[in-house]
N, C-alpha and C. Protein backbone atom coordinates (compact mmCIF):
# COMPACT_ATOMS: atom_id res chain seq x y z
N UNK A 1 -37.40 -12.16 -3.00
CA UNK A 1 -36.71 -11.71 -1.69
C UNK A 1 -37.59 -10.20 -1.30
N UNK A 2 -37.34 -9.76 -0.21
CA UNK A 2 -37.66 -8.55 0.17
C UNK A 2 -37.03 -7.36 -0.38
N UNK A 3 -37.57 -5.97 -0.40
CA UNK A 3 -36.85 -4.99 -0.96
C UNK A 3 -35.69 -4.67 0.09
N UNK A 4 -34.57 -4.23 -0.52
CA UNK A 4 -33.64 -3.67 0.38
C UNK A 4 -33.91 -2.33 0.72
N UNK A 5 -34.88 -1.75 0.12
CA UNK A 5 -34.94 -0.17 0.50
C UNK A 5 -36.56 -0.16 0.52
N UNK A 6 -37.28 0.36 1.49
CA UNK A 6 -38.48 0.91 1.42
C UNK A 6 -38.70 2.27 2.00
N UNK A 7 -38.98 3.31 1.10
CA UNK A 7 -39.33 4.68 1.54
C UNK A 7 -40.88 4.93 1.46
N UNK A 8 -41.49 5.43 2.51
CA UNK A 8 -42.73 5.58 2.62
C UNK A 8 -43.37 6.86 3.15
N UNK A 9 -43.62 7.90 2.08
CA UNK A 9 -44.24 9.26 2.90
C UNK A 9 -43.01 9.86 3.54
N UNK A 10 -41.89 9.81 2.88
CA UNK A 10 -40.67 10.58 3.71
C UNK A 10 -40.88 12.28 3.28
N UNK A 11 -40.92 12.83 4.51
CA UNK A 11 -40.94 14.28 4.83
C UNK A 11 -39.78 14.79 5.54
N UNK A 12 -39.08 15.90 4.87
CA UNK A 12 -38.00 16.60 5.49
C UNK A 12 -38.47 18.17 5.07
N UNK A 13 -38.20 18.89 6.19
CA UNK A 13 -38.64 20.51 6.24
C UNK A 13 -37.40 21.22 6.79
N UNK A 14 -37.20 22.49 5.81
CA UNK A 14 -36.30 23.26 6.51
C UNK A 14 -37.42 24.67 6.62
N UNK A 15 -37.34 25.11 7.78
CA UNK A 15 -38.26 25.94 8.02
C UNK A 15 -39.61 25.78 7.75
N UNK A 16 -40.14 26.60 6.82
CA UNK A 16 -41.53 26.13 6.10
C UNK A 16 -41.44 25.42 4.98
N UNK A 17 -40.49 25.14 4.48
CA UNK A 17 -40.22 24.67 2.97
C UNK A 17 -40.18 23.01 3.27
N UNK A 18 -40.56 22.36 2.25
CA UNK A 18 -40.77 20.93 2.13
C UNK A 18 -39.64 20.34 1.32
N UNK A 19 -38.36 20.13 1.88
CA UNK A 19 -37.16 19.98 0.82
C UNK A 19 -37.73 18.56 0.18
N UNK A 20 -38.23 17.75 0.93
CA UNK A 20 -39.03 16.35 0.63
C UNK A 20 -40.24 16.06 0.95
N UNK A 21 -41.36 16.17 0.18
CA UNK A 21 -42.57 16.20 0.44
C UNK A 21 -43.19 15.08 0.32
N UNK A 22 -43.33 13.78 1.21
CA UNK A 22 -44.11 12.67 0.74
C UNK A 22 -43.55 11.63 -0.12
N UNK A 23 -42.06 11.47 -0.15
CA UNK A 23 -41.56 10.70 -1.17
C UNK A 23 -41.76 9.32 -0.96
N UNK A 24 -42.24 8.30 -1.73
CA UNK A 24 -42.20 7.02 -1.64
C UNK A 24 -41.72 6.17 -2.57
N UNK A 25 -40.99 5.30 -2.44
CA UNK A 25 -40.45 4.29 -3.50
C UNK A 25 -39.93 3.00 -2.86
N UNK A 26 -39.61 1.94 -3.60
CA UNK A 26 -38.77 0.69 -2.91
C UNK A 26 -37.75 0.27 -4.06
N UNK A 27 -36.62 -0.47 -3.67
CA UNK A 27 -35.67 -0.95 -4.30
C UNK A 27 -35.44 -2.30 -4.02
N UNK A 28 -35.60 -3.07 -5.03
CA UNK A 28 -35.65 -4.65 -4.98
C UNK A 28 -33.96 -4.85 -4.88
N UNK A 29 -33.74 -6.09 -4.28
CA UNK A 29 -32.43 -6.69 -4.03
C UNK A 29 -31.81 -7.01 -5.56
N UNK A 30 -30.51 -6.46 -5.61
CA UNK A 30 -29.82 -6.88 -6.98
C UNK A 30 -30.22 -5.83 -8.19
N UNK A 31 -31.00 -4.63 -7.98
CA UNK A 31 -31.02 -3.81 -8.78
C UNK A 31 -30.35 -2.49 -8.75
N UNK A 32 -29.93 -1.85 -10.04
CA UNK A 32 -29.71 -0.48 -9.82
C UNK A 32 -31.06 0.42 -10.00
N UNK A 33 -31.08 1.12 -8.95
CA UNK A 33 -32.33 2.09 -9.10
C UNK A 33 -31.85 3.53 -9.08
N UNK A 34 -32.44 4.11 -10.00
CA UNK A 34 -32.14 5.66 -10.12
C UNK A 34 -33.01 6.68 -9.56
N UNK A 35 -32.53 7.61 -8.78
CA UNK A 35 -33.36 9.02 -8.57
C UNK A 35 -32.85 10.02 -9.37
N UNK A 36 -33.80 10.29 -10.28
CA UNK A 36 -33.34 11.40 -11.48
C UNK A 36 -34.15 12.70 -11.30
N UNK A 37 -33.32 13.76 -11.18
CA UNK A 37 -33.92 14.88 -11.07
C UNK A 37 -32.88 16.04 -11.22
N UNK A 38 -33.49 17.32 -11.10
CA UNK A 38 -32.80 18.57 -11.49
C UNK A 38 -32.02 18.69 -9.99
N UNK A 39 -30.96 19.64 -9.90
CA UNK A 39 -30.35 20.11 -8.92
C UNK A 39 -31.30 20.59 -7.93
N UNK A 40 -31.55 20.42 -6.54
CA UNK A 40 -32.15 21.01 -5.67
C UNK A 40 -33.78 20.32 -5.58
N UNK A 41 -33.74 19.04 -6.39
CA UNK A 41 -35.05 18.46 -6.45
C UNK A 41 -35.25 17.70 -4.93
N UNK A 42 -34.41 17.28 -4.33
CA UNK A 42 -34.67 16.52 -3.22
C UNK A 42 -33.86 15.15 -3.28
N UNK A 43 -33.09 15.02 -4.04
CA UNK A 43 -32.52 13.63 -4.24
C UNK A 43 -31.39 13.30 -2.95
N UNK A 44 -30.60 14.24 -2.91
CA UNK A 44 -29.66 14.33 -1.93
C UNK A 44 -30.18 14.08 -0.50
N UNK A 45 -31.02 14.92 -0.02
CA UNK A 45 -31.80 15.21 1.23
C UNK A 45 -32.33 13.76 1.48
N UNK A 46 -33.01 13.05 0.13
CA UNK A 46 -33.43 11.81 0.70
C UNK A 46 -32.59 10.84 1.09
N UNK A 47 -31.17 10.90 0.16
CA UNK A 47 -30.38 9.88 0.64
C UNK A 47 -29.71 10.41 2.14
N UNK A 48 -29.65 11.29 2.20
CA UNK A 48 -29.14 11.62 3.67
C UNK A 48 -30.04 11.39 4.96
N UNK A 49 -31.15 11.42 4.60
CA UNK A 49 -32.28 10.65 5.55
C UNK A 49 -32.15 9.26 5.62
N UNK A 50 -31.89 8.45 4.53
CA UNK A 50 -31.73 7.13 4.61
C UNK A 50 -30.48 6.72 5.22
N UNK A 51 -29.21 7.40 5.15
CA UNK A 51 -28.24 6.87 5.73
C UNK A 51 -27.96 7.52 7.25
N UNK A 52 -28.94 8.37 7.69
CA UNK A 52 -28.78 8.93 9.02
C UNK A 52 -28.05 10.05 9.12
N UNK A 53 -27.63 10.94 7.98
CA UNK A 53 -27.31 12.20 8.19
C UNK A 53 -28.21 13.05 8.59
N UNK A 54 -29.40 13.06 8.09
CA UNK A 54 -30.31 14.01 8.49
C UNK A 54 -31.37 13.38 9.07
N UNK A 55 -32.11 13.84 10.11
CA UNK A 55 -33.33 13.09 10.69
C UNK A 55 -34.49 13.58 10.04
N UNK A 56 -35.31 12.69 9.46
CA UNK A 56 -36.48 12.83 8.98
C UNK A 56 -37.61 13.35 9.72
N UNK A 57 -38.62 14.19 9.02
CA UNK A 57 -39.75 14.72 9.81
C UNK A 57 -40.69 14.11 9.65
N UNK A 58 -40.59 13.00 8.92
CA UNK A 58 -41.73 12.10 8.87
C UNK A 58 -41.60 11.14 7.86
N UNK A 59 -42.64 10.05 8.20
CA UNK A 59 -42.44 8.81 7.09
C UNK A 59 -41.77 7.77 7.49
N UNK A 60 -41.80 6.49 6.95
CA UNK A 60 -41.05 5.27 7.17
C UNK A 60 -39.82 4.81 6.12
N UNK A 61 -38.62 4.63 6.90
CA UNK A 61 -37.70 4.41 6.24
C UNK A 61 -37.03 3.03 6.46
N UNK A 62 -37.23 2.12 5.71
CA UNK A 62 -36.44 0.70 5.89
C UNK A 62 -35.29 0.34 4.90
N UNK A 63 -34.19 -0.15 5.54
CA UNK A 63 -33.00 -0.24 4.80
C UNK A 63 -32.39 -1.66 5.30
N UNK A 64 -32.39 -2.71 4.12
CA UNK A 64 -31.79 -3.94 4.62
C UNK A 64 -32.49 -4.63 5.79
N UNK A 65 -33.76 -4.30 5.94
CA UNK A 65 -34.59 -5.08 6.71
C UNK A 65 -34.59 -4.29 8.21
N UNK A 66 -34.08 -3.26 8.27
CA UNK A 66 -34.31 -2.49 9.44
C UNK A 66 -34.84 -1.02 9.28
N UNK A 67 -35.56 -0.73 10.42
CA UNK A 67 -36.08 0.59 10.63
C UNK A 67 -34.94 1.41 10.69
N UNK A 68 -34.88 2.23 9.52
CA UNK A 68 -33.65 3.25 9.60
C UNK A 68 -33.68 4.44 10.50
N UNK A 69 -34.72 4.74 11.12
CA UNK A 69 -34.80 5.61 11.94
C UNK A 69 -34.71 5.23 13.34
N UNK A 70 -35.11 4.18 13.59
CA UNK A 70 -34.97 3.41 14.94
C UNK A 70 -33.44 2.64 15.06
N UNK A 71 -32.97 2.15 14.04
CA UNK A 71 -31.88 1.49 14.18
C UNK A 71 -30.67 1.85 13.30
N UNK A 72 -30.43 3.46 13.37
CA UNK A 72 -29.52 3.80 12.36
C UNK A 72 -27.93 2.92 12.36
N UNK A 73 -27.46 2.56 13.33
CA UNK A 73 -25.94 1.86 13.60
C UNK A 73 -26.25 0.71 12.86
N UNK A 74 -27.30 -0.23 12.90
CA UNK A 74 -27.41 -1.56 12.26
C UNK A 74 -27.37 -1.16 10.69
N UNK A 75 -28.00 -0.02 10.33
CA UNK A 75 -28.05 0.37 9.16
C UNK A 75 -27.02 0.62 8.37
N UNK A 76 -25.92 1.31 9.19
CA UNK A 76 -24.66 1.65 8.73
C UNK A 76 -23.41 0.75 8.66
N UNK A 77 -23.88 -0.38 9.26
CA UNK A 77 -23.07 -1.62 9.13
C UNK A 77 -23.31 -2.27 7.61
N UNK A 78 -24.54 -2.09 7.24
CA UNK A 78 -24.98 -2.93 5.96
C UNK A 78 -24.76 -2.19 4.76
N UNK A 79 -24.52 -0.62 4.66
CA UNK A 79 -24.55 -0.01 3.54
C UNK A 79 -23.22 0.62 3.39
N UNK A 80 -22.72 0.75 1.98
CA UNK A 80 -21.70 1.85 1.79
C UNK A 80 -22.44 3.09 0.95
N UNK A 81 -21.64 4.24 1.00
CA UNK A 81 -22.04 5.26 0.56
C UNK A 81 -20.90 6.15 0.02
N UNK A 82 -21.08 6.67 -1.25
CA UNK A 82 -20.48 7.66 -1.96
C UNK A 82 -21.08 8.89 -2.27
N UNK A 83 -20.97 9.91 -1.48
CA UNK A 83 -21.34 11.21 -1.67
C UNK A 83 -20.84 11.98 -2.71
N UNK A 84 -21.36 13.18 -3.22
CA UNK A 84 -20.81 14.06 -4.26
C UNK A 84 -19.53 14.31 -4.35
N UNK A 85 -18.89 14.49 -3.20
CA UNK A 85 -17.47 14.79 -3.17
C UNK A 85 -16.91 14.08 -1.91
N UNK A 86 -15.63 13.67 -1.68
CA UNK A 86 -14.84 12.99 -0.69
C UNK A 86 -13.78 13.85 -0.50
N UNK A 87 -13.75 14.18 0.96
CA UNK A 87 -12.77 14.93 1.44
C UNK A 87 -12.19 14.62 2.59
N UNK A 88 -10.79 14.04 2.31
CA UNK A 88 -9.95 13.29 3.23
C UNK A 88 -8.82 14.36 3.94
N UNK A 89 -8.38 13.90 4.53
CA UNK A 89 -6.91 14.70 4.95
C UNK A 89 -6.01 14.76 4.01
N UNK A 90 -5.15 15.75 3.68
CA UNK A 90 -4.35 15.71 2.25
C UNK A 90 -3.31 14.95 2.44
N UNK A 91 -2.82 14.39 3.58
CA UNK A 91 -1.67 13.53 3.22
C UNK A 91 -1.78 12.33 3.46
N UNK A 92 -3.38 11.59 3.97
CA UNK A 92 -3.45 10.35 3.96
C UNK A 92 -3.40 9.80 2.47
N UNK A 93 -3.12 8.57 2.55
CA UNK A 93 -2.98 7.66 1.23
C UNK A 93 -4.13 6.55 0.94
N UNK A 94 -4.36 6.36 -0.19
CA UNK A 94 -5.82 5.59 -0.38
C UNK A 94 -5.43 4.19 0.58
N UNK A 95 -4.39 3.63 0.54
CA UNK A 95 -3.95 2.38 1.51
C UNK A 95 -4.43 2.56 2.89
N UNK A 96 -4.00 3.72 3.50
CA UNK A 96 -4.48 3.93 4.90
C UNK A 96 -5.68 4.50 5.06
N UNK A 97 -6.26 5.17 4.19
CA UNK A 97 -7.93 5.46 4.30
C UNK A 97 -8.61 4.15 4.30
N UNK A 98 -8.32 3.21 3.28
CA UNK A 98 -9.19 1.93 3.35
C UNK A 98 -8.94 1.43 4.52
N UNK A 99 -7.75 1.39 5.22
CA UNK A 99 -7.47 0.23 6.53
C UNK A 99 -8.38 1.27 7.48
N UNK A 100 -8.10 2.51 7.80
CA UNK A 100 -8.79 3.22 8.86
C UNK A 100 -10.46 3.08 8.83
N UNK A 101 -10.94 3.12 7.68
CA UNK A 101 -12.53 3.11 7.24
C UNK A 101 -12.94 1.66 7.47
N UNK A 102 -12.05 0.70 7.18
CA UNK A 102 -12.24 -0.68 7.39
C UNK A 102 -12.18 -0.96 9.10
N UNK A 103 -11.58 -0.27 9.90
CA UNK A 103 -11.53 -0.71 11.34
C UNK A 103 -12.99 -0.25 11.90
N UNK A 104 -13.90 0.54 11.21
CA UNK A 104 -14.97 1.08 12.02
C UNK A 104 -16.04 -0.02 11.58
N UNK A 105 -16.14 -1.39 11.17
CA UNK A 105 -17.21 -1.97 10.73
C UNK A 105 -16.57 -3.53 11.44
N UNK A 106 -17.72 -4.36 11.72
CA UNK A 106 -17.74 -5.77 12.15
C UNK A 106 -16.94 -6.44 10.99
N UNK A 107 -17.48 -6.54 9.75
CA UNK A 107 -16.71 -7.11 8.60
C UNK A 107 -16.13 -6.23 7.58
N UNK A 108 -14.88 -6.82 6.90
CA UNK A 108 -14.34 -5.66 5.98
C UNK A 108 -13.71 -6.46 5.19
N UNK A 109 -13.35 -5.80 3.96
CA UNK A 109 -12.50 -6.19 2.48
C UNK A 109 -11.20 -5.61 3.02
N UNK A 110 -10.10 -6.56 2.69
CA UNK A 110 -8.66 -6.11 2.90
C UNK A 110 -8.53 -4.93 1.97
N UNK A 111 -7.77 -4.02 2.24
CA UNK A 111 -7.40 -2.86 1.39
C UNK A 111 -6.90 -3.34 -0.07
N UNK A 112 -5.68 -4.28 -0.13
CA UNK A 112 -5.16 -4.41 -1.25
C UNK A 112 -6.15 -5.20 -2.30
N UNK A 113 -7.22 -5.71 -2.04
CA UNK A 113 -7.94 -6.49 -3.21
C UNK A 113 -9.10 -5.03 -3.72
N UNK A 114 -9.23 -3.96 -2.64
CA UNK A 114 -9.90 -2.84 -3.27
C UNK A 114 -9.22 -2.11 -3.90
N UNK A 115 -7.98 -1.90 -3.56
CA UNK A 115 -7.12 -1.15 -4.62
C UNK A 115 -7.26 -1.51 -5.82
N UNK A 116 -6.98 -2.96 -5.86
CA UNK A 116 -6.91 -3.58 -7.14
C UNK A 116 -8.37 -3.33 -8.03
N UNK A 117 -9.12 -3.61 -7.56
CA UNK A 117 -10.66 -3.67 -7.99
C UNK A 117 -10.77 -2.40 -8.54
N UNK A 118 -10.55 -1.41 -7.99
CA UNK A 118 -10.98 0.14 -8.27
C UNK A 118 -9.51 0.77 -9.03
N UNK A 119 -8.72 0.08 -9.53
CA UNK A 119 -7.44 0.67 -10.14
C UNK A 119 -6.86 1.63 -9.54
N UNK A 120 -6.55 1.30 -8.04
CA UNK A 120 -5.74 2.43 -7.56
C UNK A 120 -4.44 1.81 -7.08
N UNK A 121 -4.01 0.68 -7.48
CA UNK A 121 -2.91 0.30 -6.96
C UNK A 121 -1.54 0.95 -6.94
N UNK A 122 -1.52 1.58 -8.11
CA UNK A 122 -0.40 2.50 -8.65
C UNK A 122 -0.31 3.70 -7.62
N UNK A 123 -1.61 3.97 -7.00
CA UNK A 123 -1.75 5.15 -6.24
C UNK A 123 -1.94 4.82 -4.98
N UNK A 124 -1.70 3.67 -4.55
CA UNK A 124 -1.91 3.31 -3.01
C UNK A 124 -1.29 4.20 -2.05
N UNK A 125 -0.14 4.65 -2.30
CA UNK A 125 0.64 5.16 -1.47
C UNK A 125 0.88 6.75 -1.77
N UNK A 126 0.14 7.15 -2.55
CA UNK A 126 0.00 8.59 -2.79
C UNK A 126 -0.74 9.45 -2.05
N UNK A 127 -0.44 10.67 -1.86
CA UNK A 127 -1.28 11.60 -0.78
C UNK A 127 -2.56 11.91 -1.62
N UNK A 128 -3.39 12.00 -0.65
CA UNK A 128 -4.73 12.22 -1.28
C UNK A 128 -4.84 13.57 -2.10
N UNK A 129 -3.92 14.43 -1.61
CA UNK A 129 -3.91 15.74 -2.26
C UNK A 129 -3.44 15.80 -3.68
N UNK A 130 -2.78 14.73 -4.00
CA UNK A 130 -2.42 14.56 -5.49
C UNK A 130 -3.06 13.74 -6.43
N UNK A 131 -4.24 13.28 -5.62
CA UNK A 131 -4.84 12.11 -6.81
C UNK A 131 -6.11 13.38 -7.65
N UNK A 132 -6.21 12.73 -8.78
CA UNK A 132 -6.93 13.58 -9.84
C UNK A 132 -8.50 13.25 -9.27
N UNK A 133 -9.58 14.04 -9.82
CA UNK A 133 -10.98 14.05 -9.59
C UNK A 133 -11.37 12.44 -9.81
N UNK A 134 -11.07 11.95 -10.85
CA UNK A 134 -11.55 10.60 -11.24
C UNK A 134 -10.98 9.63 -10.12
N UNK A 135 -9.68 9.82 -9.83
CA UNK A 135 -9.10 8.73 -8.86
C UNK A 135 -9.65 8.97 -7.22
N UNK A 136 -10.19 10.37 -7.37
CA UNK A 136 -10.75 10.50 -5.84
C UNK A 136 -11.98 9.78 -5.91
N UNK A 137 -12.66 9.97 -6.83
CA UNK A 137 -14.09 9.21 -6.95
C UNK A 137 -14.01 7.58 -7.11
N UNK A 138 -12.98 7.16 -7.46
CA UNK A 138 -12.61 5.69 -7.23
C UNK A 138 -12.14 5.19 -6.07
N UNK A 139 -11.54 6.10 -5.28
CA UNK A 139 -11.26 6.05 -3.90
C UNK A 139 -12.71 6.02 -3.12
N UNK A 140 -13.57 6.76 -3.47
CA UNK A 140 -14.79 7.04 -2.67
C UNK A 140 -15.46 5.71 -2.80
N UNK A 141 -15.55 5.16 -4.20
CA UNK A 141 -16.22 3.83 -4.34
C UNK A 141 -15.58 2.74 -3.48
N UNK A 142 -14.17 2.67 -3.42
CA UNK A 142 -13.65 1.73 -2.58
C UNK A 142 -14.10 1.89 -1.25
N UNK A 143 -14.17 2.82 -0.68
CA UNK A 143 -14.21 3.11 0.67
C UNK A 143 -15.89 2.90 0.82
N UNK A 144 -16.66 2.81 0.00
CA UNK A 144 -17.92 2.36 0.10
C UNK A 144 -17.97 0.93 0.04
N UNK A 145 -17.17 0.35 -0.17
CA UNK A 145 -17.49 -1.12 -0.26
C UNK A 145 -16.21 -1.81 0.81
N UNK A 146 -15.93 -0.87 1.62
CA UNK A 146 -14.78 -1.55 2.68
C UNK A 146 -15.68 -2.43 3.37
N UNK A 147 -16.75 -2.42 3.85
CA UNK A 147 -17.51 -3.28 4.70
C UNK A 147 -18.49 -4.24 4.12
N UNK A 148 -18.12 -4.70 2.93
CA UNK A 148 -18.97 -5.59 2.10
C UNK A 148 -20.52 -5.31 2.01
N UNK A 149 -20.84 -4.40 1.65
CA UNK A 149 -22.36 -3.65 1.88
C UNK A 149 -23.39 -4.61 0.94
N UNK A 150 -24.51 -4.47 1.89
CA UNK A 150 -25.71 -5.29 0.80
C UNK A 150 -26.11 -4.01 0.15
N UNK A 151 -25.90 -2.94 0.48
CA UNK A 151 -26.67 -1.67 -0.28
C UNK A 151 -25.51 -0.60 -0.38
N UNK A 152 -25.45 -0.02 -1.74
CA UNK A 152 -24.48 0.86 -2.14
C UNK A 152 -25.38 2.17 -2.42
N UNK A 153 -25.33 3.16 -1.79
CA UNK A 153 -25.96 4.59 -2.25
C UNK A 153 -24.66 5.63 -2.82
N UNK A 154 -25.04 5.88 -4.11
CA UNK A 154 -23.81 6.81 -4.60
C UNK A 154 -24.96 8.07 -5.19
N UNK A 155 -24.52 9.03 -4.53
CA UNK A 155 -25.00 10.35 -4.83
C UNK A 155 -24.43 11.17 -5.88
N UNK A 156 -24.95 11.45 -7.03
CA UNK A 156 -24.37 11.98 -8.12
C UNK A 156 -22.68 11.69 -8.62
N UNK A 157 -22.21 10.58 -8.54
CA UNK A 157 -20.83 10.14 -8.31
C UNK A 157 -20.05 10.61 -9.46
N UNK A 158 -20.68 10.76 -10.64
CA UNK A 158 -19.97 11.35 -11.83
C UNK A 158 -20.01 12.90 -12.08
N UNK A 159 -20.43 13.58 -11.32
CA UNK A 159 -20.54 15.03 -11.29
C UNK A 159 -19.29 15.64 -11.31
N UNK A 160 -19.11 16.69 -12.41
CA UNK A 160 -17.63 17.21 -12.49
C UNK A 160 -16.66 16.73 -12.96
N UNK A 161 -16.88 15.17 -13.62
CA UNK A 161 -15.61 14.16 -13.98
C UNK A 161 -15.65 14.47 -15.46
N UNK A 162 -14.61 14.30 -16.20
CA UNK A 162 -14.21 14.33 -17.34
C UNK A 162 -14.70 13.10 -17.98
N UNK A 163 -14.90 12.88 -19.50
CA UNK A 163 -15.79 12.17 -20.23
C UNK A 163 -14.87 10.95 -19.80
N UNK A 164 -13.65 10.48 -19.72
CA UNK A 164 -12.84 9.17 -19.42
C UNK A 164 -13.04 8.87 -18.32
N UNK A 165 -13.31 9.57 -17.07
CA UNK A 165 -13.48 9.17 -15.94
C UNK A 165 -14.82 8.87 -15.66
N UNK A 166 -15.63 9.47 -16.26
CA UNK A 166 -17.19 9.15 -16.49
C UNK A 166 -17.38 7.83 -16.71
N UNK A 167 -16.91 7.46 -17.96
CA UNK A 167 -16.92 6.10 -18.26
C UNK A 167 -16.49 5.01 -17.65
N UNK A 168 -15.22 5.33 -16.94
CA UNK A 168 -14.81 4.03 -16.05
C UNK A 168 -15.59 3.73 -14.92
N UNK A 169 -15.99 5.02 -14.37
CA UNK A 169 -17.13 5.00 -13.38
C UNK A 169 -18.35 4.29 -13.52
N UNK A 170 -18.78 4.46 -14.78
CA UNK A 170 -19.82 3.66 -15.33
C UNK A 170 -19.54 2.26 -15.34
N UNK A 171 -18.43 1.77 -15.77
CA UNK A 171 -18.15 0.64 -15.73
C UNK A 171 -18.14 -0.03 -14.15
N UNK A 172 -17.52 0.67 -13.30
CA UNK A 172 -17.42 0.40 -12.19
C UNK A 172 -18.89 -0.14 -11.49
N UNK A 173 -19.79 0.98 -11.86
CA UNK A 173 -21.21 0.78 -11.23
C UNK A 173 -21.99 -0.41 -11.89
N UNK A 174 -21.66 -0.80 -13.11
CA UNK A 174 -22.09 -1.68 -13.84
C UNK A 174 -21.50 -3.05 -13.04
N UNK A 175 -20.61 -3.06 -12.79
CA UNK A 175 -19.71 -4.21 -12.37
C UNK A 175 -20.41 -4.45 -10.80
N UNK A 176 -21.02 -3.41 -10.04
CA UNK A 176 -21.49 -3.73 -8.91
C UNK A 176 -22.84 -4.49 -9.05
N UNK A 177 -23.51 -4.28 -10.11
CA UNK A 177 -24.81 -5.23 -10.21
C UNK A 177 -24.41 -6.44 -10.56
N UNK A 178 -23.32 -6.76 -11.43
CA UNK A 178 -22.80 -8.13 -11.87
C UNK A 178 -22.67 -8.91 -10.73
N UNK A 179 -22.05 -7.97 -9.56
CA UNK A 179 -21.37 -8.57 -8.29
C UNK A 179 -22.83 -9.09 -7.18
N UNK A 180 -23.76 -8.58 -7.79
CA UNK A 180 -24.91 -9.09 -6.94
C UNK A 180 -25.38 -7.69 -5.94
N UNK A 181 -24.73 -6.55 -6.15
CA UNK A 181 -24.97 -5.61 -5.07
C UNK A 181 -26.29 -4.77 -5.83
N UNK A 182 -26.94 -4.31 -4.77
CA UNK A 182 -27.92 -3.25 -4.68
C UNK A 182 -27.57 -1.97 -4.70
N UNK A 183 -27.89 -1.04 -5.81
CA UNK A 183 -27.40 0.32 -5.96
C UNK A 183 -28.56 1.36 -5.89
N UNK A 184 -28.40 2.49 -5.06
CA UNK A 184 -29.37 3.42 -5.44
C UNK A 184 -28.47 4.74 -6.06
N UNK A 185 -28.76 5.27 -7.09
CA UNK A 185 -27.91 6.24 -7.90
C UNK A 185 -28.84 7.37 -8.17
N UNK A 186 -28.05 8.35 -7.47
CA UNK A 186 -28.98 9.86 -8.01
C UNK A 186 -27.96 10.38 -8.96
N UNK A 187 -28.85 10.77 -9.93
CA UNK A 187 -28.21 11.84 -10.99
C UNK A 187 -29.33 12.74 -11.53
N UNK A 188 -28.49 13.83 -12.04
CA UNK A 188 -29.42 14.70 -13.08
C UNK A 188 -29.31 14.29 -14.37
N UNK A 189 -28.40 13.29 -14.80
CA UNK A 189 -27.97 13.03 -16.10
C UNK A 189 -28.75 11.82 -16.66
N UNK A 190 -29.95 12.23 -17.85
CA UNK A 190 -30.72 11.53 -18.25
C UNK A 190 -30.16 10.27 -19.05
N UNK A 191 -29.05 10.61 -19.70
CA UNK A 191 -28.42 9.48 -20.35
C UNK A 191 -27.50 8.48 -19.38
N UNK A 192 -27.06 8.80 -18.32
CA UNK A 192 -26.57 8.08 -17.25
C UNK A 192 -27.60 7.46 -16.68
N UNK A 193 -28.68 7.83 -16.16
CA UNK A 193 -29.95 6.86 -15.76
C UNK A 193 -30.67 5.75 -16.76
N UNK A 194 -30.37 6.26 -18.04
CA UNK A 194 -30.58 5.24 -19.08
C UNK A 194 -29.89 4.25 -19.17
N UNK A 195 -28.62 4.44 -19.15
CA UNK A 195 -27.55 3.41 -19.40
C UNK A 195 -27.48 2.53 -18.18
N UNK A 196 -27.51 2.88 -16.89
CA UNK A 196 -27.00 2.33 -15.95
C UNK A 196 -28.21 1.62 -14.95
N UNK A 197 -29.49 2.16 -15.10
CA UNK A 197 -30.41 2.09 -14.20
C UNK A 197 -31.42 0.87 -14.53
N UNK A 198 -31.94 -0.01 -13.78
CA UNK A 198 -33.03 -0.84 -14.21
C UNK A 198 -34.38 -0.23 -14.01
N UNK A 199 -34.52 0.60 -12.95
CA UNK A 199 -35.53 1.52 -12.70
C UNK A 199 -35.40 2.76 -12.36
N UNK A 200 -36.39 3.74 -12.81
CA UNK A 200 -35.73 5.41 -12.30
C UNK A 200 -37.37 5.68 -11.63
N UNK A 201 -36.76 6.65 -10.68
CA UNK A 201 -37.97 7.35 -10.17
C UNK A 201 -37.62 8.89 -10.25
N UNK A 202 -38.32 9.78 -10.84
CA UNK A 202 -37.94 11.01 -11.20
C UNK A 202 -38.57 11.94 -10.17
N UNK A 203 -37.83 12.92 -9.63
CA UNK A 203 -37.84 13.57 -8.43
C UNK A 203 -38.00 14.87 -8.95
N UNK A 204 -38.85 15.87 -8.47
CA UNK A 204 -38.83 17.35 -8.72
C UNK A 204 -39.48 18.04 -7.71
N UNK A 205 -38.88 19.03 -7.26
CA UNK A 205 -39.56 19.94 -6.14
C UNK A 205 -39.80 18.83 -4.91
N UNK A 206 -39.31 17.98 -4.53
CA UNK A 206 -39.41 17.22 -3.37
C UNK A 206 -40.52 16.14 -3.39
N UNK A 207 -40.90 15.92 -4.79
CA UNK A 207 -41.90 14.84 -4.94
C UNK A 207 -41.67 13.97 -5.91
N UNK A 208 -41.95 12.83 -5.94
CA UNK A 208 -41.96 11.68 -7.05
C UNK A 208 -42.91 11.97 -8.33
């Protein structure tokens, strides 16, 4: 099968500084690919260019068979994203959030099955403001899966979580691979990359 992601010579500049300076890698279908590096290495910038939150200054980005720079709308229909933190309106409930996010896509998974999969059934009608850090991250994963994505991008999803919540999230990520999903995981935890990833690219100062 062709790769789900191809990044070739990606460049992103801020002023005269290269936040990402010629990064290249490919992600095969069905694997968990880790982008490992310290804070400020360029991991998040790379992800944000892939998903269209930032415009790349150079390079080729291919996601799920589409040129991500020319067809960002098609790419968004095929990917799920969980960023470092998820901020929702304080009064919204997980059930409501899943229904709202699902309405943005051509195909979607029903809210009830996602609530069950990510152990949120008991909190389905709780206000977002009352959720713990681990519950918020599980909701972020549920939202990432609302459109039945081919590719899921997880940007340091366990940062700031307690050990129990981190173990639960690791289990969720491992299940993604069992379900045949392709995952791009950024992390600065070496042991997390070792446990979860099939392959790892180490990034530092904007370069692999």
